[in-house]
C-alpha atoms as a PDB file:
ATOM      1  CA  MET A   1      89.103  -3.608  34.586  1.00  0.00           C
ATOM      2  CA  ILE A   2      92.404  -1.887  33.907  1.00  0.00           C
ATOM      3  CA  GLY A   3      94.766   0.160  36.056  1.00  0.00           C
ATOM      4  CA  LYS A   4      97.023   3.050  35.127  1.00  0.00           C
ATOM      5  CA  ILE A   5      99.856   3.767  37.556  1.00  0.00           C
ATOM      6  CA  MET A   6     101.432   7.189  38.056  1.00  0.00           C
ATOM      7  CA  ILE A   7     104.046   8.459  40.515  1.00  0.00           C
ATOM      8  CA  GLY A   8     104.358  12.159  41.327  1.00  0.00           C
ATOM      9  CA  LYS A   9     105.912  14.776  43.599  1.00  0.00           C
ATOM     10  CA  THR A  10     103.079  16.955  44.920  1.00  0.00           C
ATOM     11  CA  PHE A  11      99.886  15.871  46.638  1.00  0.00           C
ATOM     12  CA  ALA A  12      98.204  19.235  46.150  1.00  0.00           C
ATOM     13  CA  GLY A  13      97.878  19.073  42.365  1.00  0.00           C
ATOM     14  CA  CYS A  14      96.872  15.409  42.343  1.00  0.00           C
ATOM     15  CA  ILE A  15      94.193  15.832  45.002  1.00  0.00           C
ATOM     16  CA  ARG A  16      92.784  18.991  43.420  1.00  0.00           C
ATOM     17  CA  TYR A  17      92.404  17.149  40.132  1.00  0.00           C
ATOM     18  CA  ALA A  18      90.676  14.177  41.751  1.00  0.00           C
ATOM     19  CA  VAL A  19      88.333  16.067  44.078  1.00  0.00           C
ATOM     20  CA  SER A  20      87.498  19.146  41.990  1.00  0.00           C
ATOM     21  CA  LYS A  21      86.113  17.246  38.989  1.00  0.00           C
ATOM     22  CA  LYS A  22      82.417  17.785  38.320  1.00  0.00           C
ATOM     23  CA  ASP A  23      80.305  15.154  40.130  1.00  0.00           C
ATOM     24  CA  ALA A  24      83.401  13.714  41.850  1.00  0.00           C
ATOM     25  CA  VAL A  25      82.503  11.618  44.908  1.00  0.00           C
ATOM     26  CA  ILE A  26      84.879  10.691  47.736  1.00  0.00           C
ATOM     27  CA  LEU A  27      84.105   7.028  48.355  1.00  0.00           C
ATOM     28  CA  ASN A  28      86.547   6.240  51.137  1.00  0.00           C
ATOM     29  CA  ALA A  29      89.725   7.394  52.872  1.00  0.00           C
ATOM     30  CA  ASP A  30      92.124   6.122  55.495  1.00  0.00           C
ATOM     31  CA  GLY A  31      94.466   8.144  57.709  1.00  0.00           C
ATOM     32  CA  ILE A  32      93.366  11.546  56.360  1.00  0.00           C
ATOM     33  CA  ARG A  33      90.589  14.089  56.876  1.00  0.00           C
ATOM     34  CA  THR A  34      88.133  14.657  54.041  1.00  0.00           C
ATOM     35  CA  ASP A  35      86.062  17.547  55.421  1.00  0.00           C
ATOM     36  CA  GLN A  36      88.183  20.076  53.484  1.00  0.00           C
ATOM     37  CA  MET A  37      90.596  19.699  50.606  1.00  0.00           C
ATOM     38  CA  SER A  38      93.248  21.692  52.474  1.00  0.00           C
ATOM     39  CA  HIS A  39      93.050  19.243  55.393  1.00  0.00           C
ATOM     40  CA  THR A  40      93.447  16.255  53.059  1.00  0.00           C
ATOM     41  CA  ILE A  41      96.544  17.784  51.440  1.00  0.00           C
ATOM     42  CA  ALA A  42      98.018  18.741  54.818  1.00  0.00           C
ATOM     43  CA  ASP A  43      97.571  15.219  56.218  1.00  0.00           C
ATOM     44  CA  PHE A  44      99.323  13.602  53.258  1.00  0.00           C
ATOM     45  CA  ASN A  45     102.189  16.120  53.472  1.00  0.00           C
ATOM     46  CA  MET A  46     102.553  15.662  57.215  1.00  0.00           C
ATOM     47  CA  GLN A  47     103.232  11.952  56.837  1.00  0.00           C
ATOM     48  CA  ARG A  48     105.639  12.352  53.930  1.00  0.00           C
ATOM     49  CA  LYS A  49     107.883  14.462  56.204  1.00  0.00           C
ATOM     50  CA  SER A  50     108.822  11.294  58.082  1.00  0.00           C
ATOM     51  CA  ASN A  51     110.768  10.253  54.965  1.00  0.00           C
ATOM     52  CA  PRO A  52     112.002  13.536  53.438  1.00  0.00           C
ATOM     53  CA  SER A  53     114.513  11.846  51.122  1.00  0.00           C
ATOM     54  CA  LEU A  54     111.695  10.339  49.038  1.00  0.00           C
ATOM     55  CA  GLY A  55     110.943  12.968  46.417  1.00  0.00           C
ATOM     56  CA  MET A  56     108.318  11.012  44.462  1.00  0.00           C
ATOM     57  CA  ALA A  57     105.994  10.306  47.368  1.00  0.00           C
ATOM     58  CA  VAL A  58     102.661  10.560  45.540  1.00  0.00           C
ATOM     59  CA  GLY A  59     101.091   7.320  44.349  1.00  0.00           C
ATOM     60  CA  HIS A  60      98.188   7.773  41.920  1.00  0.00           C
ATOM     61  CA  ILE A  61      96.300   4.900  40.277  1.00  0.00           C
ATOM     62  CA  ALA A  62      93.306   5.215  37.959  1.00  0.00           C
ATOM     63  CA  LEU A  63      91.097   2.119  37.910  1.00  0.00           C
ATOM     64  CA  SER A  64      88.551   1.905  35.111  1.00  0.00           C
ATOM     65  CA  TRP A  65      85.983  -0.600  33.893  1.00  0.00           C
ATOM     66  CA  SER A  66      84.013  -1.291  30.743  1.00  0.00           C
ATOM     67  CA  SER A  67      80.654   0.435  30.339  1.00  0.00           C
ATOM     68  CA  ASN A  68      79.261  -3.125  30.368  1.00  0.00           C
ATOM     69  CA  ASP A  69      80.055  -3.258  34.106  1.00  0.00           C
ATOM     70  CA  LEU A  70      78.088  -0.144  35.042  1.00  0.00           C
ATOM     71  CA  SER A  71      75.207  -2.065  36.621  1.00  0.00           C
ATOM     72  CA  LEU A  72      77.628  -3.994  38.863  1.00  0.00           C
ATOM     73  CA  LEU A  73      79.601  -1.007  40.084  1.00  0.00           C
ATOM     74  CA  THR A  74      77.842   0.521  43.037  1.00  0.00           C
ATOM     75  CA  ASP A  75      79.949   2.835  45.194  1.00  0.00           C
ATOM     76  CA  GLU A  76      80.278   0.058  47.767  1.00  0.00           C
ATOM     77  CA  LYS A  77      81.463  -2.412  45.131  1.00  0.00           C
ATOM     78  CA  MET A  78      84.059   0.052  43.861  1.00  0.00           C
ATOM     79  CA  VAL A  79      85.450   0.535  47.370  1.00  0.00           C
ATOM     80  CA  GLN A  80      85.603  -3.227  47.906  1.00  0.00           C
ATOM     81  CA  VAL A  81      87.496  -3.812  44.661  1.00  0.00           C
ATOM     82  CA  ALA A  82      89.813  -0.810  45.167  1.00  0.00           C
ATOM     83  CA  GLU A  83      90.826  -1.969  48.645  1.00  0.00           C
ATOM     84  CA  GLU A  84      91.356  -5.504  47.418  1.00  0.00           C
ATOM     85  CA  TYR A  85      93.480  -4.071  44.606  1.00  0.00           C
ATOM     86  CA  LEU A  86      95.624  -2.164  47.133  1.00  0.00           C
ATOM     87  CA  GLU A  87      96.179  -5.291  49.186  1.00  0.00           C
ATOM     88  CA  ARG A  88      97.187  -7.403  46.194  1.00  0.00           C
ATOM     89  CA  MET A  89      99.481  -4.643  44.951  1.00  0.00           C
ATOM     90  CA  LYS A  90     101.168  -4.671  48.393  1.00  0.00           C
ATOM     91  CA  ILE A  91     100.215  -1.050  49.041  1.00  0.00           C
ATOM     92  CA  LEU A  92      99.606  -1.509  52.747  1.00  0.00           C
ATOM     93  CA  ASN A  93      99.757   0.397  56.033  1.00  0.00           C
ATOM     94  CA  THR A  94      99.502   3.854  54.492  1.00  0.00           C
ATOM     95  CA  GLN A  95      97.138   6.763  53.843  1.00  0.00           C
ATOM     96  CA  TYR A  96      94.857   6.627  50.817  1.00  0.00           C
ATOM     97  CA  LEU A  97      91.951   8.415  49.183  1.00  0.00           C
ATOM     98  CA  ILE A  98      89.393   6.867  46.783  1.00  0.00           C
ATOM     99  CA  VAL A  99      87.456   9.240  44.510  1.00  0.00           C
ATOM    100  CA  ARG A 100      84.902   8.238  41.871  1.00  0.00           C
ATOM    101  CA  HIS A 101      84.452  10.263  38.677  1.00  0.00           C
ATOM    102  CA  HIS A 102      81.405  10.387  36.393  1.00  0.00           C
ATOM    103  CA  ASP A 103      82.868  12.350  33.476  1.00  0.00           C
ATOM    104  CA  SER A 104      83.088   9.501  30.931  1.00  0.00           C
ATOM    105  CA  GLN A 105      81.102   6.526  29.715  1.00  0.00           C
ATOM    106  CA  ASN A 106      83.513   4.154  31.451  1.00  0.00           C
ATOM    107  CA  PRO A 107      83.120   3.832  35.237  1.00  0.00           C
ATOM    108  CA  HIS A 108      86.391   4.783  36.904  1.00  0.00           C
ATOM    109  CA  LEU A 109      87.961   5.966  40.129  1.00  0.00           C
ATOM    110  CA  HIS A 110      91.172   7.623  41.267  1.00  0.00           C
ATOM    111  CA  LEU A 111      93.165   6.077  44.068  1.00  0.00           C
ATOM    112  CA  ILE A 112      95.727   8.373  45.710  1.00  0.00           C
ATOM    113  CA  TYR A 113      98.077   6.937  48.310  1.00  0.00           C
ATOM    114  CA  ASN A 114     101.163   7.987  50.262  1.00  0.00           C
ATOM    115  CA  ARG A 115     104.336   6.133  49.289  1.00  0.00           C
ATOM    116  CA  VAL A 116     105.611   6.972  52.772  1.00  0.00           C
ATOM    117  CA  ASP A 117     103.793   4.455  54.950  1.00  0.00           C
ATOM    118  CA  ASN A 118     102.588   4.904  58.517  1.00  0.00           C
ATOM    119  CA  GLU A 119     106.010   3.894  59.851  1.00  0.00           C
ATOM    120  CA  GLY A 120     107.968   6.259  57.604  1.00  0.00           C
ATOM    121  CA  LYS A 121     109.111   3.480  55.258  1.00  0.00           C
ATOM    122  CA  THR A 122     109.006   3.710  51.467  1.00  0.00           C
ATOM    123  CA  ILE A 123     106.444   1.652  49.574  1.00  0.00           C
ATOM    124  CA  PRO A 124     108.508   0.338  46.629  1.00  0.00           C
ATOM    125  CA  ASP A 125     107.362   0.932  43.067  1.00  0.00           C
ATOM    126  CA  ASN A 126     109.405  -1.781  41.337  1.00  0.00           C
ATOM    127  CA  PHE A 127     107.499  -4.459  39.400  1.00  0.00           C
ATOM    128  CA  MET A 128     104.278  -2.510  39.837  1.00  0.00           C
ATOM    129  CA  LYS A 129     103.374  -2.437  36.148  1.00  0.00           C
ATOM    130  CA  SER A 130     103.610  -6.185  35.657  1.00  0.00           C
ATOM    131  CA  ARG A 131     101.861  -6.842  38.968  1.00  0.00           C
ATOM    132  CA  ASN A 132      99.131  -4.379  38.012  1.00  0.00           C
ATOM    133  CA  VAL A 133      98.306  -6.341  34.848  1.00  0.00           C
ATOM    134  CA  LYS A 134      97.980  -9.611  36.758  1.00  0.00           C
ATOM    135  CA  VAL A 135      95.970  -8.145  39.632  1.00  0.00           C
ATOM    136  CA  CYS A 136      93.516  -6.402  37.300  1.00  0.00           C
ATOM    137  CA  LYS A 137      92.972  -9.586  35.333  1.00  0.00           C
ATOM    138  CA  ASP A 138      92.496 -11.661  38.493  1.00  0.00           C
ATOM    139  CA  LEU A 139      89.981  -9.208  39.956  1.00  0.00           C
ATOM    140  CA  THR A 140      88.129  -8.985  36.650  1.00  0.00           C
ATOM    141  CA  ILE A 141      87.653 -12.744  36.618  1.00  0.00           C
ATOM    142  CA  LYS A 142      86.873 -12.994  40.335  1.00  0.00           C
ATOM    143  CA  HIS A 143      84.138 -10.333  40.292  1.00  0.00           C
ATOM    144  CA  GLY A 144      82.722 -11.241  36.895  1.00  0.00           C
ATOM    145  CA  PHE A 145      83.600  -7.979  35.167  1.00  0.00           C
ATOM    146  CA  PHE A 146      83.642  -7.656  31.398  1.00  0.00           C
ATOM    147  CA  LEU A 147      86.819  -9.138  29.936  1.00  0.00           C
ATOM    148  CA  SER A 148      87.930  -7.215  26.883  1.00  0.00           C
ATOM    149  CA  ALA A 149      88.882  -9.163  23.781  1.00  0.00           C
ATOM    150  CA  GLY A 150      92.108  -7.133  23.634  1.00  0.00           C
ATOM    151  CA  LYS A 151      93.489  -4.163  21.767  1.00  0.00           C
ATOM    152  CA  GLU A 152      91.038  -4.581  18.913  1.00  0.00           C
ATOM    153  CA  SER A 153      88.170  -3.492  21.187  1.00  0.00           C
ATOM    154  CA  VAL A 154      89.804  -0.284  22.421  1.00  0.00           C
ATOM    155  CA  ASN A 155      88.288   3.029  21.356  1.00  0.00           C
ATOM    156  CA  GLU A 156      91.400   4.452  19.699  1.00  0.00           C
ATOM    157  CA  LYS A 157      89.759   7.801  19.008  1.00  0.00           C
ATOM    158  CA  ARG A 158      90.050   8.543  22.731  1.00  0.00           C
ATOM    159  CA  LEU A 159      93.768   7.768  22.849  1.00  0.00           C
ATOM    160  CA  THR A 160      96.406  10.501  22.870  1.00  0.00           C
ATOM    161  CA  GLY A 161     100.196  10.843  23.002  1.00  0.00           C
ATOM    162  CA  THR A 162     102.286   7.705  23.435  1.00  0.00           C
ATOM    163  CA  ASP A 163      99.225   5.483  23.981  1.00  0.00           C
ATOM    164  CA  LYS A 164      97.949   6.434  20.537  1.00  0.00           C
ATOM    165  CA  LEU A 165     101.376   5.809  18.980  1.00  0.00           C
ATOM    166  CA  LYS A 166     101.585   2.371  20.616  1.00  0.00           C
ATOM    167  CA  TYR A 167      98.327   1.361  18.988  1.00  0.00           C
ATOM    168  CA  GLU A 168      99.487   2.671  15.626  1.00  0.00           C
ATOM    169  CA  LEU A 169     102.669   0.619  15.956  1.00  0.00           C
ATOM    170  CA  TYR A 170     100.690  -2.408  17.109  1.00  0.00           C
ATOM    171  CA  HIS A 171      98.465  -2.417  14.030  1.00  0.00           C
ATOM    172  CA  ALA A 172     101.322  -1.668  11.616  1.00  0.00           C
ATOM    173  CA  ILE A 173     103.506  -4.472  12.992  1.00  0.00           C
ATOM    174  CA  LYS A 174     100.624  -6.961  13.146  1.00  0.00           C
ATOM    175  CA  VAL A 175      99.559  -6.332   9.563  1.00  0.00           C
ATOM    176  CA  THR A 176     103.114  -6.327   8.195  1.00  0.00           C
ATOM    177  CA  SER A 177     104.285  -9.399  10.130  1.00  0.00           C
ATOM    178  CA  SER A 178     101.379 -11.414   8.712  1.00  0.00           C
ATOM    179  CA  LYS A 179     102.780 -10.933   5.182  1.00  0.00           C
ATOM    180  CA  VAL A 180     106.479 -11.694   5.645  1.00  0.00           C
ATOM    181  CA  LYS A 181     108.542 -14.876   5.875  1.00  0.00           C
ATOM    182  CA  SER A 182     111.509 -13.660   7.936  1.00  0.00           C
ATOM    183  CA  MET A 183     112.509 -11.096  10.538  1.00  0.00           C
ATOM    184  CA  ASP A 184     114.804  -9.438   7.990  1.00  0.00           C
ATOM    185  CA  GLU A 185     111.878  -8.985   5.627  1.00  0.00           C
ATOM    186  CA  LEU A 186     109.792  -7.555   8.466  1.00  0.00           C
ATOM    187  CA  GLN A 187     112.549  -5.052   9.260  1.00  0.00           C
ATOM    188  CA  LYS A 188     112.686  -3.874   5.638  1.00  0.00           C
ATOM    189  CA  GLU A 189     108.904  -3.574   5.256  1.00  0.00           C
ATOM    190  CA  LEU A 190     108.516  -1.630   8.514  1.00  0.00           C
ATOM    191  CA  ALA A 191     111.300   0.750   7.451  1.00  0.00           C
ATOM    192  CA  LYS A 192     109.170   1.704   4.437  1.00  0.00           C
ATOM    193  CA  GLN A 193     106.514   2.867   6.922  1.00  0.00           C
ATOM    194  CA  GLY A 194     108.949   4.919   9.007  1.00  0.00           C
ATOM    195  CA  ILE A 195     109.219   2.290  11.746  1.00  0.00           C
ATOM    196  CA  THR A 196     112.675   1.117  12.829  1.00  0.00           C
ATOM    197  CA  LEU A 197     113.199  -2.356  14.292  1.00  0.00           C
ATOM    198  CA  HIS A 198     115.976  -2.644  16.905  1.00  0.00           C
ATOM    199  CA  TYR A 199     117.522  -5.814  18.364  1.00  0.00           C
ATOM    200  CA  LYS A 200     118.924  -6.144  21.866  1.00  0.00           C
ATOM    201  CA  TYR A 201     121.893  -8.508  22.055  1.00  0.00           C
ATOM    202  CA  LYS A 202     123.264 -10.439  24.998  1.00  0.00           C
ATOM    203  CA  SER A 203     126.435  -8.793  26.226  1.00  0.00           C
ATOM    204  CA  GLY A 204     129.533 -10.131  24.494  1.00  0.00           C
ATOM    205  CA  THR A 205     127.604 -12.397  22.121  1.00  0.00           C
ATOM    206  CA  GLY A 206     125.476 -12.201  19.003  1.00  0.00           C
ATOM    207  CA  GLU A 207     122.494 -13.788  20.739  1.00  0.00           C
ATOM    208  CA  ILE A 208     119.297 -11.756  20.400  1.00  0.00           C
ATOM    209  CA  GLN A 209     117.620 -11.109  23.746  1.00  0.00           C
ATOM    210  CA  GLY A 210     114.861  -8.702  22.826  1.00  0.00           C
ATOM    211  CA  ILE A 211     113.320  -6.404  20.263  1.00  0.00           C
ATOM    212  CA  SER A 212     112.036  -2.835  20.189  1.00  0.00           C
ATOM    213  CA  PHE A 213     110.391  -0.509  17.680  1.00  0.00           C
ATOM    214  CA  SER A 214     110.778   3.223  17.180  1.00  0.00           C
ATOM    215  CA  LYS A 215     108.999   5.890  15.211  1.00  0.00           C
ATOM    216  CA  GLY A 216     110.133   9.486  15.360  1.00  0.00           C
ATOM    217  CA  GLU A 217     111.542  10.244  18.794  1.00  0.00           C
ATOM    218  CA  PHE A 218     109.660   7.453  20.581  1.00  0.00           C
ATOM    219  CA  LYS A 219     110.916   3.919  21.140  1.00  0.00           C
ATOM    220  CA  PHE A 220     109.088   0.995  22.786  1.00  0.00           C
ATOM    221  CA  LYS A 221     109.968  -2.585  23.632  1.00  0.00           C
ATOM    222  CA  GLY A 222     107.960  -5.072  21.603  1.00  0.00           C
ATOM    223  CA  SER A 223     106.425  -6.596  24.747  1.00  0.00           C
ATOM    224  CA  GLU A 224     105.538  -3.094  25.961  1.00  0.00           C
ATOM    225  CA  ILE A 225     103.402  -2.568  22.856  1.00  0.00           C
ATOM    226  CA  ASP A 226     101.849  -6.027  23.157  1.00  0.00           C
ATOM    227  CA  ARG A 227     103.007  -9.393  24.496  1.00  0.00           C
ATOM    228  CA  SER A 228     102.562 -10.931  21.071  1.00  0.00           C
ATOM    229  CA  LEU A 229     105.283  -8.569  19.805  1.00  0.00           C
ATOM    230  CA  SER A 230     108.077  -9.814  22.056  1.00  0.00           C
ATOM    231  CA  PHE A 231     111.019 -11.223  20.100  1.00  0.00           C
ATOM    232  CA  ALA A 232     110.204 -14.807  21.122  1.00  0.00           C
ATOM    233  CA  ASN A 233     106.536 -14.645  20.146  1.00  0.00           C
ATOM    234  CA  LEU A 234     106.985 -12.583  16.992  1.00  0.00           C
ATOM    235  CA  SER A 235     109.793 -14.749  15.603  1.00  0.00           C
ATOM    236  CA  LYS A 236     107.780 -17.912  16.293  1.00  0.00           C
ATOM    237  CA  THR A 237     104.792 -16.504  14.432  1.00  0.00           C
ATOM    238  CA  ILE A 238     106.899 -15.577  11.419  1.00  0.00           C
ATOM    239  CA  ASP A 239     108.661 -18.969  11.447  1.00  0.00           C
ATOM    240  CA  MET A 240     105.253 -20.630  11.376  1.00  0.00           C
ATOM    241  CA  GLN A 241     104.226 -18.550   8.374  1.00  0.00           C
ATOM    242  CA  ALA A 242     107.463 -19.369   6.578  1.00  0.00           C
ATOM    243  CA  SER A 243     106.927 -23.099   7.151  1.00  0.00           C
ATOM    244  CA  GLN A 244     103.526 -22.892   5.499  1.00  0.00           C
ATOM    245  CA  PHE A 245     105.188 -21.787   2.252  1.00  0.00           C
ATOM    246  CA  ARG A 246     107.518 -24.784   2.122  1.00  0.00           C
ATOM    247  CA  GLU A 247     106.511 -27.448  -0.418  1.00  0.00           C
ATOM    248  CA  PRO A 248     107.959 -30.917  -1.022  1.00  0.00           C
ATOM    249  CA  VAL A 249     110.340 -31.031  -3.989  1.00  0.00           C
ATOM    250  CA  PHE A 250     110.562 -34.101  -6.239  1.00  0.00           C
ATOM    251  CA  PHE A 251     113.652 -34.865  -8.307  1.00  0.00           C
ATOM    252  CA  ASN A 252     111.613 -36.818 -10.867  1.00  0.00           C
ATOM    253  CA  LYS A 253     108.418 -38.765 -11.310  1.00  0.00           C
ATOM    254  CA  GLN A 254     110.063 -42.066 -10.480  1.00  0.00           C
ATOM    255  CA  SER A 255     111.435 -40.850  -7.193  1.00  0.00           C
ATOM    256  CA  GLN A 256     108.012 -39.430  -6.331  1.00  0.00           C
ATOM    257  CA  GLU A 257     106.423 -42.850  -6.735  1.00  0.00           C
ATOM    258  CA  GLU A 258     109.124 -44.922  -5.123  1.00  0.00           C
ATOM    259  CA  ASN A 259     110.434 -42.917  -2.221  1.00  0.00           C
ATOM    260  CA  PRO A 260     108.311 -41.990   0.817  1.00  0.00           C
ATOM    261  CA  TRP A 261     108.460 -38.475   2.224  1.00  0.00           C
ATOM    262  CA  TYR A 262     110.786 -38.107   5.116  1.00  0.00           C
ATOM    263  CA  ALA A 263     110.179 -35.885   8.112  1.00  0.00           C
ATOM    264  CA  GLU A 264     113.201 -33.706   8.684  1.00  0.00           C
ATOM    265  CA  ASP A 265     114.511 -33.427  12.243  1.00  0.00           C
ATOM    266  CA  TRP A 266     113.905 -30.121  13.974  1.00  0.00           C
ATOM    267  CA  ASP A 267     114.669 -28.632  17.364  1.00  0.00           C
ATOM    268  CA  GLU A 268     111.722 -28.490  19.734  1.00  0.00           C
ATOM    269  CA  PRO A 269     111.021 -24.952  20.983  1.00  0.00           C
ATOM    270  CA  GLU A 270     111.370 -24.220  24.655  1.00  0.00           C
ATOM    271  CA  ASP A 271     108.212 -23.673  26.663  1.00  0.00           C
ATOM    272  CA  ASP A 272     107.095 -20.041  26.510  1.00  0.00           C
ATOM    273  CA  ASP A 273     105.336 -18.888  29.677  1.00  0.00           C
ATOM    274  CA  GLU A 274     103.917 -15.942  27.768  1.00  0.00           C
ATOM    275  CA  GLY A 275     102.056 -18.223  25.434  1.00  0.00           C
ATOM    276  CA  GLY A 276     102.502 -18.115  21.731  1.00  0.00           C
ATOM    277  CA  TYR A 277     102.880 -20.420  18.811  1.00  0.00           C
ATOM    278  CA  ASP A 278     103.737 -24.076  19.337  1.00  0.00           C
ATOM    279  CA  ASN A 279     105.325 -25.493  16.204  1.00  0.00           C
ATOM    280  CA  SER A 280     105.183 -29.144  17.296  1.00  0.00           C
ATOM    281  CA  ASP A 281     102.626 -29.831  14.567  1.00  0.00           C
ATOM    282  CA  VAL A 282     104.654 -28.290  11.716  1.00  0.00           C
ATOM    283  CA  ILE A 283     107.322 -30.172   9.830  1.00  0.00           C
ATOM    284  CA  SER A 284     109.301 -29.502   6.698  1.00  0.00           C
ATOM    285  CA  LEU A 285     109.583 -32.230   4.087  1.00  0.00           C
ATOM    286  CA  GLU A 286     112.512 -33.131   1.891  1.00  0.00           C
ATOM    287  CA  ARG A 287     113.344 -35.924  -0.550  1.00  0.00           C
ATOM    288  CA  GLN A 288     115.944 -38.413   0.632  1.00  0.00           C
ATOM    289  CA  PRO A 289     118.161 -40.500  -1.687  1.00  0.00           C
ATOM    290  CA  ALA A 290     116.854 -43.998  -2.329  1.00  0.00           C
ATOM    291  CA  GLU A 291     119.773 -45.689  -0.626  1.00  0.00           C
ATOM    292  CA  THR A 292     119.146 -43.794   2.648  1.00  0.00           C
ATOM    293  CA  ASN A 293     115.381 -43.765   2.667  1.00  0.00           C
ATOM    294  CA  LYS A 294     114.917 -45.802   5.800  1.00  0.00           C
ATOM    295  CA  PRO A 295     113.755 -43.574   8.652  1.00  0.00           C
ATOM    296  CA  SER A 296     114.967 -44.053  12.194  1.00  0.00           C
ATOM    297  CA  LEU A 297     112.527 -45.270  14.851  1.00  0.00           C
ATOM    298  CA  ALA A 298     111.988 -41.693  16.079  1.00  0.00           C
ATOM    299  CA  ASP A 299     111.281 -40.537  12.524  1.00  0.00           C
ATOM    300  CA  GLN A 300     108.847 -43.385  11.943  1.00  0.00           C
ATOM    301  CA  LEU A 301     106.910 -42.289  15.028  1.00  0.00           C
ATOM    302  CA  ARG A 302     106.792 -38.677  13.780  1.00  0.00           C
ATOM    303  CA  MET A 303     105.610 -39.822  10.375  1.00  0.00           C
ATOM    304  CA  ALA A 304     102.926 -42.036  11.894  1.00  0.00           C
ATOM    305  CA  VAL A 305     101.583 -39.082  13.894  1.00  0.00           C
ATOM    306  CA  GLN A 306     101.464 -37.007  10.705  1.00  0.00           C
ATOM    307  CA  GLY A 307      99.623 -39.781   8.815  1.00  0.00           C
ATOM    308  CA  ILE A 308     102.478 -40.240   6.341  1.00  0.00           C
ATOM    309  CA  SER A 309     102.694 -43.741   4.912  1.00  0.00           C
ATOM    310  CA  ILE A 310     105.938 -45.561   5.441  1.00  0.00           C
ATOM    311  CA  ASN A 311     107.184 -48.100   2.888  1.00  0.00           C
ATOM    312  CA  ILE A 312     110.287 -49.776   4.146  1.00  0.00           C
ATOM    313  CA  ALA A 313     111.942 -52.630   2.316  1.00  0.00           C
ATOM    314  CA  PRO A 314     112.330 -55.717   4.509  1.00  0.00           C
ATOM    315  CA  GLU A 315     115.688 -56.247   6.091  1.00  0.00           C
ATOM    316  CA  PRO A 316     117.750 -58.939   4.345  1.00  0.00           C
ATOM    317  CA  GLU A 317     118.274 -61.954   6.534  1.00  0.00           C
ATOM    318  CA  PRO A 318     121.708 -61.924   8.073  1.00  0.00           C
ATOM    319  CA  LYS A 319     124.133 -64.495   6.750  1.00  0.00           C
ATOM    320  CA  LYS A 320     124.653 -67.368   9.085  1.00  0.00           C
ATOM    321  CA  LYS A 321     128.132 -67.533  10.416  1.00  0.00           C
ATOM    322  CA  LYS A 322     129.861 -70.853  10.279  1.00  0.00           C
ATOM    323  CA  LYS A 323     130.736 -72.260  13.624  1.00  0.00           C
ATOM    324  CA  ARG A 324     134.401 -72.342  14.237  1.00  0.00           C
ATOM    325  CA  GLN A 325     135.677 -75.574  15.656  1.00  0.00           C
ATOM    326  CA  GLN A 326     137.972 -75.258  18.549  1.00  0.00           C
ATOM    327  CA  TYR A 327     140.898 -77.619  18.783  1.00  0.00           C
ATOM    328  CA  LEU A 328     142.446 -78.365  22.071  1.00  0.00           C
ATOM    329  CA  ARG A 329     146.072 -79.127  22.266  1.00  0.00           C
ATOM    330  CA  ARG A 330     146.819 -82.154  24.232  1.00  0.00           C
END
């Protein structure tokens, strides 16, 4: 189950599109008449007059499911899920219209609501996109709908405009990032394909906060294309790949036989609530001089976890200090 959110100015055009489609079925409505299209439009417009300063008063959400869910999606089930979706999206106390379409292989409906609620207050549209993703996923799991494996299962032939470009960027970045060892290398390789990588820096510092990609006149945040393409997740993935190319270097055969490998200290990554690569099981190895080849206790623990043998020469016994006699003056 996925949701596509749109905000508009006129109810007339939106309602005509939803209701006039071939085999369109009005499943449910609240606060409006559905006997005639003109009455439906008039009722929505009447309520929006109570908040005339809100220009974009039309809320329009398309909810669609996989063709695998067709047997589950009776009209009654669609209404149940749509109303639960509205509640979780905090679209409450307002007029709405639910219309089912049958013009594609994927079951879907159109949900039109008034952003001017029954008390004349505005229903906010901030954070709706991120909330929509979570709500759709939660409802998919709750009702046992088909859970897509991700972008790889999308029928790209049906995509148009910016959606199509996002998928093109997704595949290009995924393929290219799997072959590079640094973000700089990724930037150069993408440029050869007409894709520009942009960094967003924290104000007044050189700290990178985010990443975006552009092609032609269009530009998208990495996380907008896919969560795996956020700066945090993408840089972690590339760092992991780079670490796999590192090999231990020996100064000579003798040092190889005598000196144990030493696990180099590294900074633990911060927890990433978006998921991603955890590099706690990757270390880089380097040869240490013989006179400093004794690992610290923390390093010994790391090496034990990695299964690396530790050969440490025994500590020489400390020299006994002679007791000093104390003389008391009488």
